[in-house]
Amino acid sequence: NLLNIDADVLVIPGRKGLEKNYRITAGMSSPALHLEEALYFQPDLAGNKYFAPLLKKSIQISTGINGTLDNLHIPQIIIKEAGNSISASADVLNLPDTKNMVINLRLKEFSSTRSGVLSYLPKGTVPDSLLHYIPETFSLKGNYRGSLDNMYADLQLVSSDGNATVKGTMKNFSSQQT
């Protein structure tokens, strides 16, 4: 099956509103998700220069989701398209309140190539003079956790141009200073 969804309403005393009380169990396994099929639902995307590079892409997705909107668990998500692939798991807390949303992402691997990354962008987005800064091949893995204002990352990059590790915390970076 391409998509299975089972949703039930949980009644939790003391909660205002039901938006966080839906119990969700969903799974998706797609041998090929053709992005141009999105035009059936949103024809205006055909004229969107940012969506245009995606129209001819066929993506394989395999994932499962369970939990409630304020505590979603994604034990595995695998996305593949040509030479690009992502394998990860995550927990997302406090939806739909994006100001208080927290994401705990465990990136098992994101691997791609320069041409793979550029195939998702409109032509000219990255000037020719900067192309050499994108490695010919690369793989990224590690962990990210945090909210929009406070985040922690521990990432390892292995590329054809060398390796790098990023480990650190960013706090209150969206606050405006006057």
N, C-alpha and C. Protein backbone atom coordinates (compact mmCIF):
# COMPACT_ATOMS: atom_id res chain seq x y z
N ASN A 1 0.83 -1.19 0.00
CA ASN A 1 0.00 0.00 0.00
C ASN A 1 0.87 1.24 0.00
N LEU A 2 0.41 2.24 -0.71
CA LEU A 2 1.13 3.49 -0.75
C LEU A 2 1.01 4.23 0.57
N LEU A 3 -0.18 4.33 1.14
CA LEU A 3 -0.37 5.11 2.35
C LEU A 3 -1.46 4.49 3.19
N ASN A 4 -1.16 4.23 4.45
CA ASN A 4 -2.14 3.74 5.41
C ASN A 4 -2.20 4.71 6.56
N ILE A 5 -3.38 5.18 6.90
CA ILE A 5 -3.52 6.08 8.03
C ILE A 5 -4.66 5.60 8.91
N ASP A 6 -4.41 5.58 10.19
CA ASP A 6 -5.42 5.24 11.18
C ASP A 6 -5.36 6.32 12.24
N ALA A 7 -6.44 7.05 12.45
CA ALA A 7 -6.42 8.13 13.43
C ALA A 7 -7.62 7.98 14.36
N ASP A 8 -7.38 8.12 15.64
CA ASP A 8 -8.42 8.07 16.65
C ASP A 8 -8.31 9.30 17.52
N VAL A 9 -9.43 9.74 18.07
CA VAL A 9 -9.41 10.87 18.99
C VAL A 9 -9.29 10.31 20.41
N LEU A 10 -8.28 10.78 21.12
CA LEU A 10 -8.12 10.43 22.52
C LEU A 10 -8.72 11.55 23.36
N VAL A 11 -9.47 11.21 24.37
CA VAL A 11 -10.00 12.23 25.26
C VAL A 11 -9.09 12.28 26.47
N ILE A 12 -8.39 13.42 26.62
CA ILE A 12 -7.46 13.60 27.72
C ILE A 12 -8.01 14.72 28.60
N PRO A 13 -8.45 14.40 29.81
CA PRO A 13 -9.02 15.43 30.68
C PRO A 13 -8.04 16.56 30.94
N GLY A 14 -8.57 17.78 31.03
CA GLY A 14 -7.74 18.93 31.35
C GLY A 14 -7.12 19.60 30.15
N ARG A 15 -7.27 19.04 28.96
CA ARG A 15 -6.70 19.64 27.75
C ARG A 15 -7.71 20.56 27.11
N LYS A 16 -7.26 21.72 26.67
CA LYS A 16 -8.11 22.63 25.93
C LYS A 16 -8.01 22.28 24.46
N GLY A 17 -9.12 22.06 23.84
CA GLY A 17 -9.14 21.74 22.41
C GLY A 17 -8.69 20.31 22.16
N LEU A 18 -9.01 19.82 20.98
CA LEU A 18 -8.67 18.44 20.63
C LEU A 18 -7.50 18.35 19.67
N GLU A 19 -6.94 19.50 19.25
CA GLU A 19 -5.94 19.46 18.18
C GLU A 19 -4.72 18.63 18.51
N LYS A 20 -4.38 18.44 19.78
CA LYS A 20 -3.21 17.64 20.14
C LYS A 20 -3.57 16.22 20.55
N ASN A 21 -4.84 15.90 20.54
CA ASN A 21 -5.28 14.63 21.10
C ASN A 21 -5.52 13.54 20.06
N TYR A 22 -5.20 13.78 18.84
CA TYR A 22 -5.38 12.76 17.82
C TYR A 22 -4.24 11.76 17.89
N ARG A 23 -4.57 10.51 17.98
CA ARG A 23 -3.58 9.45 17.94
C ARG A 23 -3.38 9.08 16.48
N ILE A 24 -2.15 9.12 16.02
CA ILE A 24 -1.86 8.90 14.60
C ILE A 24 -0.96 7.68 14.45
N THR A 25 -1.36 6.82 13.55
CA THR A 25 -0.51 5.72 13.12
C THR A 25 -0.56 5.75 11.60
N ALA A 26 0.56 5.99 10.96
CA ALA A 26 0.57 6.10 9.50
C ALA A 26 1.82 5.43 8.97
N GLY A 27 1.72 4.92 7.77
CA GLY A 27 2.86 4.32 7.10
C GLY A 27 2.81 4.64 5.64
N MET A 28 3.96 4.75 5.03
CA MET A 28 4.02 5.03 3.61
C MET A 28 5.19 4.27 3.00
N SER A 29 4.91 3.60 1.93
CA SER A 29 5.96 2.92 1.18
C SER A 29 5.65 3.14 -0.29
N SER A 30 6.54 3.79 -0.97
CA SER A 30 6.29 4.16 -2.35
C SER A 30 7.41 3.67 -3.25
N PRO A 31 7.10 2.80 -4.21
CA PRO A 31 8.14 2.43 -5.16
C PRO A 31 8.53 3.63 -6.04
N ALA A 32 7.57 4.54 -6.28
CA ALA A 32 7.87 5.74 -7.07
C ALA A 32 6.77 6.76 -6.86
N LEU A 33 7.14 7.88 -6.27
CA LEU A 33 6.23 9.00 -6.10
C LEU A 33 6.66 10.05 -7.13
N HIS A 34 5.83 10.27 -8.14
CA HIS A 34 6.17 11.19 -9.22
C HIS A 34 5.68 12.58 -8.83
N LEU A 35 6.59 13.50 -8.66
CA LEU A 35 6.24 14.82 -8.14
C LEU A 35 5.37 15.63 -9.09
N GLU A 36 5.42 15.33 -10.39
CA GLU A 36 4.55 16.07 -11.31
C GLU A 36 3.07 15.76 -11.05
N GLU A 37 2.78 14.68 -10.33
CA GLU A 37 1.40 14.37 -9.99
C GLU A 37 0.82 15.38 -9.01
N ALA A 38 1.67 16.15 -8.34
CA ALA A 38 1.19 17.20 -7.45
C ALA A 38 0.42 18.26 -8.23
N LEU A 39 0.66 18.37 -9.54
CA LEU A 39 -0.04 19.36 -10.36
C LEU A 39 -1.53 19.08 -10.46
N TYR A 40 -1.95 17.83 -10.26
CA TYR A 40 -3.38 17.52 -10.26
C TYR A 40 -4.08 18.25 -9.12
N PHE A 41 -3.39 18.40 -8.00
CA PHE A 41 -3.97 19.02 -6.81
C PHE A 41 -3.67 20.51 -6.72
N GLN A 42 -2.55 20.92 -7.31
CA GLN A 42 -2.12 22.31 -7.24
C GLN A 42 -1.52 22.73 -8.59
N PRO A 43 -2.37 22.97 -9.60
CA PRO A 43 -1.88 23.28 -10.94
C PRO A 43 -0.96 24.51 -11.00
N ASP A 44 -1.12 25.45 -10.09
CA ASP A 44 -0.30 26.66 -10.09
C ASP A 44 1.19 26.36 -9.87
N LEU A 45 1.50 25.20 -9.33
CA LEU A 45 2.91 24.84 -9.11
C LEU A 45 3.69 24.75 -10.43
N ALA A 46 2.99 24.52 -11.52
CA ALA A 46 3.66 24.42 -12.83
C ALA A 46 4.41 25.70 -13.17
N GLY A 47 3.95 26.85 -12.70
CA GLY A 47 4.60 28.12 -12.97
C GLY A 47 5.56 28.56 -11.88
N ASN A 48 5.75 27.74 -10.86
CA ASN A 48 6.63 28.09 -9.74
C ASN A 48 8.06 27.69 -10.09
N LYS A 49 8.95 28.68 -10.19
CA LYS A 49 10.33 28.37 -10.61
C LYS A 49 11.06 27.50 -9.59
N TYR A 50 10.64 27.53 -8.33
CA TYR A 50 11.30 26.72 -7.31
C TYR A 50 10.82 25.27 -7.34
N PHE A 51 9.62 25.04 -7.82
CA PHE A 51 9.09 23.68 -7.91
C PHE A 51 9.44 23.03 -9.25
N ALA A 52 9.69 23.85 -10.26
CA ALA A 52 9.96 23.34 -11.61
C ALA A 52 11.05 22.26 -11.67
N PRO A 53 12.19 22.41 -10.97
CA PRO A 53 13.21 21.36 -11.06
C PRO A 53 12.74 20.01 -10.49
N LEU A 54 11.69 20.01 -9.70
CA LEU A 54 11.22 18.78 -9.08
C LEU A 54 10.22 18.02 -9.94
N LEU A 55 9.65 18.66 -10.94
CA LEU A 55 8.55 18.06 -11.70
C LEU A 55 8.90 16.72 -12.34
N LYS A 56 10.10 16.53 -12.79
CA LYS A 56 10.46 15.27 -13.47
C LYS A 56 11.06 14.24 -12.52
N LYS A 57 11.09 14.55 -11.24
CA LYS A 57 11.70 13.65 -10.27
C LYS A 57 10.72 12.57 -9.82
N SER A 58 11.28 11.41 -9.56
CA SER A 58 10.54 10.27 -9.03
C SER A 58 11.24 9.85 -7.74
N ILE A 59 10.53 9.93 -6.63
CA ILE A 59 11.12 9.73 -5.32
C ILE A 59 10.56 8.47 -4.67
N GLN A 60 11.42 7.71 -4.02
CA GLN A 60 11.00 6.56 -3.23
C GLN A 60 10.99 6.98 -1.77
N ILE A 61 9.87 6.72 -1.08
CA ILE A 61 9.75 7.08 0.33
C ILE A 61 9.25 5.88 1.10
N SER A 62 9.87 5.65 2.24
CA SER A 62 9.41 4.61 3.15
C SER A 62 9.47 5.19 4.56
N THR A 63 8.34 5.19 5.25
CA THR A 63 8.32 5.76 6.60
C THR A 63 7.13 5.23 7.38
N GLY A 64 7.18 5.48 8.65
CA GLY A 64 6.08 5.20 9.55
C GLY A 64 6.03 6.30 10.59
N ILE A 65 4.84 6.62 11.05
CA ILE A 65 4.66 7.66 12.06
C ILE A 65 3.67 7.13 13.08
N ASN A 66 3.94 7.41 14.36
CA ASN A 66 2.96 7.07 15.38
C ASN A 66 3.05 8.05 16.53
N GLY A 67 1.96 8.19 17.25
CA GLY A 67 1.92 9.09 18.39
C GLY A 67 0.78 10.08 18.28
N THR A 68 0.91 11.18 18.99
CA THR A 68 -0.07 12.27 18.93
C THR A 68 0.63 13.49 18.35
N LEU A 69 -0.15 14.51 17.99
CA LEU A 69 0.47 15.69 17.39
C LEU A 69 1.47 16.34 18.32
N ASP A 70 1.27 16.23 19.63
CA ASP A 70 2.25 16.86 20.52
C ASP A 70 3.38 15.91 20.90
N ASN A 71 3.38 14.71 20.34
CA ASN A 71 4.48 13.76 20.57
C ASN A 71 4.51 12.72 19.45
N LEU A 72 5.02 13.13 18.29
CA LEU A 72 5.09 12.24 17.12
C LEU A 72 6.43 11.51 17.10
N HIS A 73 6.37 10.23 16.83
CA HIS A 73 7.57 9.40 16.73
C HIS A 73 7.67 8.89 15.30
N ILE A 74 8.81 9.13 14.67
CA ILE A 74 9.07 8.65 13.31
C ILE A 74 10.27 7.70 13.43
N PRO A 75 10.00 6.40 13.60
CA PRO A 75 11.10 5.46 13.85
C PRO A 75 12.07 5.33 12.68
N GLN A 76 11.58 5.59 11.45
CA GLN A 76 12.47 5.49 10.30
C GLN A 76 11.83 6.22 9.13
N ILE A 77 12.66 6.96 8.42
CA ILE A 77 12.24 7.54 7.15
C ILE A 77 13.41 7.37 6.18
N ILE A 78 13.09 6.83 5.04
CA ILE A 78 14.10 6.64 3.99
C ILE A 78 13.56 7.31 2.73
N ILE A 79 14.35 8.20 2.16
CA ILE A 79 13.98 8.90 0.93
C ILE A 79 15.12 8.70 -0.06
N LYS A 80 14.77 8.25 -1.27
CA LYS A 80 15.79 8.04 -2.30
C LYS A 80 15.30 8.65 -3.61
N GLU A 81 16.23 9.29 -4.30
CA GLU A 81 15.95 9.83 -5.62
C GLU A 81 17.27 9.88 -6.36
N ALA A 82 17.36 9.15 -7.44
CA ALA A 82 18.61 9.07 -8.21
C ALA A 82 19.77 8.79 -7.27
N GLY A 83 20.80 9.64 -7.22
CA GLY A 83 21.96 9.41 -6.36
C GLY A 83 21.84 10.06 -4.99
N ASN A 84 20.67 10.60 -4.67
CA ASN A 84 20.44 11.27 -3.39
C ASN A 84 19.70 10.32 -2.45
N SER A 85 20.15 10.25 -1.20
CA SER A 85 19.42 9.41 -0.25
C SER A 85 19.51 9.98 1.16
N ILE A 86 18.44 9.80 1.91
CA ILE A 86 18.35 10.22 3.31
C ILE A 86 17.79 9.05 4.10
N SER A 87 18.43 8.77 5.23
CA SER A 87 17.94 7.77 6.17
C SER A 87 18.00 8.41 7.55
N ALA A 88 16.86 8.47 8.24
CA ALA A 88 16.81 9.16 9.52
C ALA A 88 15.67 8.64 10.37
N SER A 89 15.66 9.08 11.62
CA SER A 89 14.52 8.88 12.52
C SER A 89 14.37 10.17 13.31
N ALA A 90 13.18 10.38 13.88
CA ALA A 90 12.95 11.65 14.57
C ALA A 90 11.80 11.55 15.56
N ASP A 91 11.81 12.48 16.48
CA ASP A 91 10.68 12.73 17.37
C ASP A 91 10.36 14.21 17.23
N VAL A 92 9.08 14.52 17.09
CA VAL A 92 8.64 15.90 16.95
C VAL A 92 7.64 16.16 18.08
N LEU A 93 7.93 17.18 18.88
CA LEU A 93 7.11 17.48 20.05
C LEU A 93 6.42 18.83 19.91
N ASN A 94 5.26 18.95 20.49
CA ASN A 94 4.52 20.20 20.64
C ASN A 94 3.87 20.74 19.38
N LEU A 95 3.60 19.90 18.39
CA LEU A 95 2.83 20.37 17.24
C LEU A 95 1.39 20.57 17.68
N PRO A 96 0.66 21.44 17.09
CA PRO A 96 0.99 22.31 15.96
C PRO A 96 1.59 23.65 16.38
N ASP A 97 2.00 23.80 17.60
CA ASP A 97 2.56 25.05 18.12
C ASP A 97 4.01 25.18 17.68
N THR A 98 4.25 25.79 16.52
CA THR A 98 5.60 25.85 15.95
C THR A 98 6.57 26.67 16.79
N LYS A 99 6.06 27.61 17.57
CA LYS A 99 6.96 28.40 18.43
C LYS A 99 7.58 27.54 19.53
N ASN A 100 6.86 26.51 19.95
CA ASN A 100 7.36 25.62 21.01
C ASN A 100 7.73 24.24 20.50
N MET A 101 7.72 24.06 19.18
CA MET A 101 8.05 22.77 18.59
C MET A 101 9.51 22.41 18.88
N VAL A 102 9.73 21.15 19.18
CA VAL A 102 11.07 20.62 19.41
C VAL A 102 11.25 19.42 18.48
N ILE A 103 12.38 19.36 17.80
CA ILE A 103 12.69 18.25 16.90
C ILE A 103 13.95 17.56 17.40
N ASN A 104 13.87 16.27 17.53
CA ASN A 104 15.04 15.44 17.83
C ASN A 104 15.26 14.56 16.60
N LEU A 105 16.26 14.91 15.81
CA LEU A 105 16.53 14.22 14.54
C LEU A 105 17.81 13.42 14.66
N ARG A 106 17.73 12.17 14.27
CA ARG A 106 18.90 11.30 14.21
C ARG A 106 19.12 10.98 12.73
N LEU A 107 20.08 11.67 12.15
CA LEU A 107 20.38 11.52 10.74
C LEU A 107 21.38 10.38 10.58
N LYS A 108 20.89 9.24 10.10
CA LYS A 108 21.77 8.09 9.90
C LYS A 108 22.69 8.34 8.72
N GLU A 109 22.11 8.94 7.65
CA GLU A 109 22.95 9.32 6.52
C GLU A 109 22.16 10.15 5.52
N PHE A 110 22.78 11.21 5.08
CA PHE A 110 22.32 11.99 3.94
C PHE A 110 23.49 12.00 2.98
N SER A 111 23.31 11.39 1.83
CA SER A 111 24.41 11.36 0.87
C SER A 111 23.93 11.86 -0.48
N SER A 112 24.83 12.56 -1.16
CA SER A 112 24.47 13.13 -2.45
C SER A 112 25.75 13.52 -3.20
N THR A 113 25.54 14.19 -4.29
CA THR A 113 26.63 14.71 -5.12
C THR A 113 26.34 16.18 -5.43
N ARG A 114 27.32 16.85 -5.95
CA ARG A 114 27.12 18.25 -6.36
C ARG A 114 25.97 18.33 -7.36
N SER A 115 26.02 17.49 -8.38
CA SER A 115 24.97 17.55 -9.40
C SER A 115 23.62 17.14 -8.82
N GLY A 116 23.62 16.24 -7.84
CA GLY A 116 22.37 15.84 -7.20
C GLY A 116 21.72 16.99 -6.46
N VAL A 117 22.49 17.74 -5.71
CA VAL A 117 21.96 18.89 -4.97
C VAL A 117 21.48 19.96 -5.94
N LEU A 118 22.28 20.25 -6.95
CA LEU A 118 21.91 21.28 -7.91
C LEU A 118 20.66 20.92 -8.71
N SER A 119 20.37 19.63 -8.86
CA SER A 119 19.19 19.21 -9.62
C SER A 119 17.88 19.61 -8.91
N TYR A 120 17.95 19.98 -7.64
CA TYR A 120 16.76 20.40 -6.90
C TYR A 120 16.55 21.91 -6.95
N LEU A 121 17.51 22.64 -7.47
CA LEU A 121 17.46 24.10 -7.45
C LEU A 121 17.21 24.66 -8.85
N PRO A 122 16.53 25.81 -8.94
CA PRO A 122 16.40 26.46 -10.25
C PRO A 122 17.77 26.85 -10.79
N LYS A 123 17.93 26.79 -12.08
CA LYS A 123 19.20 27.15 -12.71
C LYS A 123 19.59 28.57 -12.29
N GLY A 124 20.87 28.75 -11.99
CA GLY A 124 21.38 30.06 -11.61
C GLY A 124 21.26 30.39 -10.13
N THR A 125 20.65 29.50 -9.33
CA THR A 125 20.52 29.75 -7.90
C THR A 125 21.89 29.85 -7.25
N VAL A 126 22.78 28.95 -7.63
CA VAL A 126 24.16 28.99 -7.13
C VAL A 126 25.02 29.51 -8.27
N PRO A 127 25.64 30.68 -8.09
CA PRO A 127 26.47 31.22 -9.16
C PRO A 127 27.63 30.28 -9.51
N ASP A 128 28.02 30.28 -10.76
CA ASP A 128 29.12 29.43 -11.23
C ASP A 128 30.39 29.63 -10.39
N SER A 129 30.61 30.85 -9.94
CA SER A 129 31.82 31.13 -9.17
C SER A 129 31.83 30.44 -7.80
N LEU A 130 30.69 29.94 -7.35
CA LEU A 130 30.60 29.27 -6.04
C LEU A 130 30.45 27.75 -6.13
N LEU A 131 30.28 27.23 -7.34
CA LEU A 131 30.05 25.79 -7.51
C LEU A 131 31.16 24.94 -6.92
N HIS A 132 32.39 25.40 -6.99
CA HIS A 132 33.51 24.60 -6.50
C HIS A 132 33.48 24.45 -4.98
N TYR A 133 32.64 25.21 -4.29
CA TYR A 133 32.52 25.06 -2.83
C TYR A 133 31.61 23.89 -2.44
N ILE A 134 30.86 23.39 -3.39
CA ILE A 134 30.02 22.21 -3.13
C ILE A 134 30.84 20.99 -3.51
N PRO A 135 31.11 20.09 -2.56
CA PRO A 135 31.93 18.90 -2.88
C PRO A 135 31.29 18.04 -3.98
N GLU A 136 32.13 17.37 -4.74
CA GLU A 136 31.64 16.48 -5.80
C GLU A 136 30.76 15.37 -5.20
N THR A 137 31.18 14.82 -4.07
CA THR A 137 30.38 13.82 -3.34
C THR A 137 30.46 14.14 -1.86
N PHE A 138 29.41 13.81 -1.13
CA PHE A 138 29.44 14.03 0.31
C PHE A 138 28.42 13.14 1.02
N SER A 139 28.66 12.96 2.30
CA SER A 139 27.78 12.20 3.17
C SER A 139 27.77 12.91 4.52
N LEU A 140 26.58 13.06 5.08
CA LEU A 140 26.42 13.75 6.36
C LEU A 140 25.65 12.85 7.31
N LYS A 141 26.09 12.77 8.56
CA LYS A 141 25.34 12.02 9.57
C LYS A 141 25.51 12.72 10.91
N GLY A 142 24.62 12.39 11.82
CA GLY A 142 24.72 12.99 13.15
C GLY A 142 23.36 13.25 13.76
N ASN A 143 23.34 14.12 14.75
CA ASN A 143 22.13 14.41 15.51
C ASN A 143 21.87 15.90 15.58
N TYR A 144 20.60 16.22 15.60
CA TYR A 144 20.14 17.59 15.79
C TYR A 144 18.99 17.53 16.78
N ARG A 145 18.96 18.44 17.71
CA ARG A 145 17.80 18.54 18.59
C ARG A 145 17.61 20.00 18.96
N GLY A 146 16.35 20.37 19.06
CA GLY A 146 16.10 21.73 19.48
C GLY A 146 14.84 22.31 18.89
N SER A 147 14.70 23.62 19.16
CA SER A 147 13.55 24.39 18.71
C SER A 147 14.03 25.43 17.72
N LEU A 148 13.13 26.36 17.37
CA LEU A 148 13.52 27.41 16.43
C LEU A 148 14.53 28.38 17.04
N ASP A 149 14.55 28.50 18.37
CA ASP A 149 15.45 29.44 19.03
C ASP A 149 16.67 28.79 19.67
N ASN A 150 16.57 27.55 20.04
CA ASN A 150 17.68 26.88 20.73
C ASN A 150 17.91 25.53 20.09
N MET A 151 19.10 25.32 19.59
CA MET A 151 19.37 24.04 18.92
C MET A 151 20.78 23.54 19.23
N TYR A 152 20.89 22.23 19.15
CA TYR A 152 22.17 21.56 19.36
C TYR A 152 22.39 20.64 18.15
N ALA A 153 23.58 20.66 17.61
CA ALA A 153 23.92 19.80 16.48
C ALA A 153 25.25 19.11 16.74
N ASP A 154 25.31 17.87 16.34
CA ASP A 154 26.54 17.08 16.37
C ASP A 154 26.57 16.34 15.03
N LEU A 155 27.24 16.92 14.04
CA LEU A 155 27.21 16.42 12.68
C LEU A 155 28.60 16.10 12.17
N GLN A 156 28.70 15.05 11.35
CA GLN A 156 29.95 14.67 10.72
C GLN A 156 29.75 14.65 9.21
N LEU A 157 30.60 15.39 8.51
CA LEU A 157 30.57 15.46 7.06
C LEU A 157 31.81 14.76 6.52
N VAL A 158 31.59 13.86 5.57
CA VAL A 158 32.68 13.21 4.85
C VAL A 158 32.45 13.57 3.38
N SER A 159 33.48 14.18 2.76
CA SER A 159 33.28 14.61 1.38
C SER A 159 34.54 14.37 0.55
N SER A 160 34.37 14.54 -0.74
CA SER A 160 35.50 14.41 -1.66
C SER A 160 36.52 15.53 -1.45
N ASP A 161 36.13 16.60 -0.78
CA ASP A 161 37.03 17.72 -0.51
C ASP A 161 37.63 17.67 0.89
N GLY A 162 37.22 16.70 1.69
CA GLY A 162 37.72 16.62 3.07
C GLY A 162 36.59 16.34 4.04
N ASN A 163 36.91 16.26 5.30
CA ASN A 163 35.94 15.93 6.33
C ASN A 163 35.80 17.08 7.30
N ALA A 164 34.64 17.14 7.97
CA ALA A 164 34.41 18.19 8.96
C ALA A 164 33.45 17.68 10.01
N THR A 165 33.62 18.20 11.22
CA THR A 165 32.71 17.90 12.31
C THR A 165 32.18 19.21 12.86
N VAL A 166 30.87 19.26 13.06
CA VAL A 166 30.23 20.43 13.65
C VAL A 166 29.54 19.96 14.92
N LYS A 167 29.91 20.56 16.03
CA LYS A 167 29.31 20.20 17.30
C LYS A 167 29.12 21.47 18.10
N GLY A 168 27.88 21.78 18.41
CA GLY A 168 27.68 23.01 19.16
C GLY A 168 26.23 23.35 19.37
N THR A 169 26.03 24.44 20.08
CA THR A 169 24.71 24.91 20.46
C THR A 169 24.52 26.33 19.97
N MET A 170 23.33 26.63 19.49
CA MET A 170 22.96 28.00 19.14
C MET A 170 21.73 28.34 19.97
N LYS A 171 21.76 29.48 20.65
CA LYS A 171 20.64 29.89 21.49
C LYS A 171 20.21 31.30 21.16
N ASN A 172 18.90 31.50 21.18
CA ASN A 172 18.29 32.82 21.00
C ASN A 172 18.77 33.54 19.75
N PHE A 173 19.07 32.81 18.68
CA PHE A 173 19.58 33.46 17.49
C PHE A 173 18.50 34.14 16.67
N SER A 174 17.23 33.85 16.94
CA SER A 174 16.18 34.54 16.20
C SER A 174 15.72 35.80 16.92
N SER A 175 16.22 36.04 18.11
CA SER A 175 15.87 37.26 18.84
C SER A 175 16.46 38.47 18.14
N GLN A 176 15.68 39.52 18.07
CA GLN A 176 16.18 40.74 17.44
C GLN A 176 16.88 41.60 18.48
N GLN A 177 18.06 42.06 18.14
CA GLN A 177 18.83 42.94 19.00
C GLN A 177 18.59 44.38 18.57
N THR A 178 18.40 45.28 19.53
CA THR A 178 18.23 46.70 19.16
C THR A 178 19.31 47.53 19.79
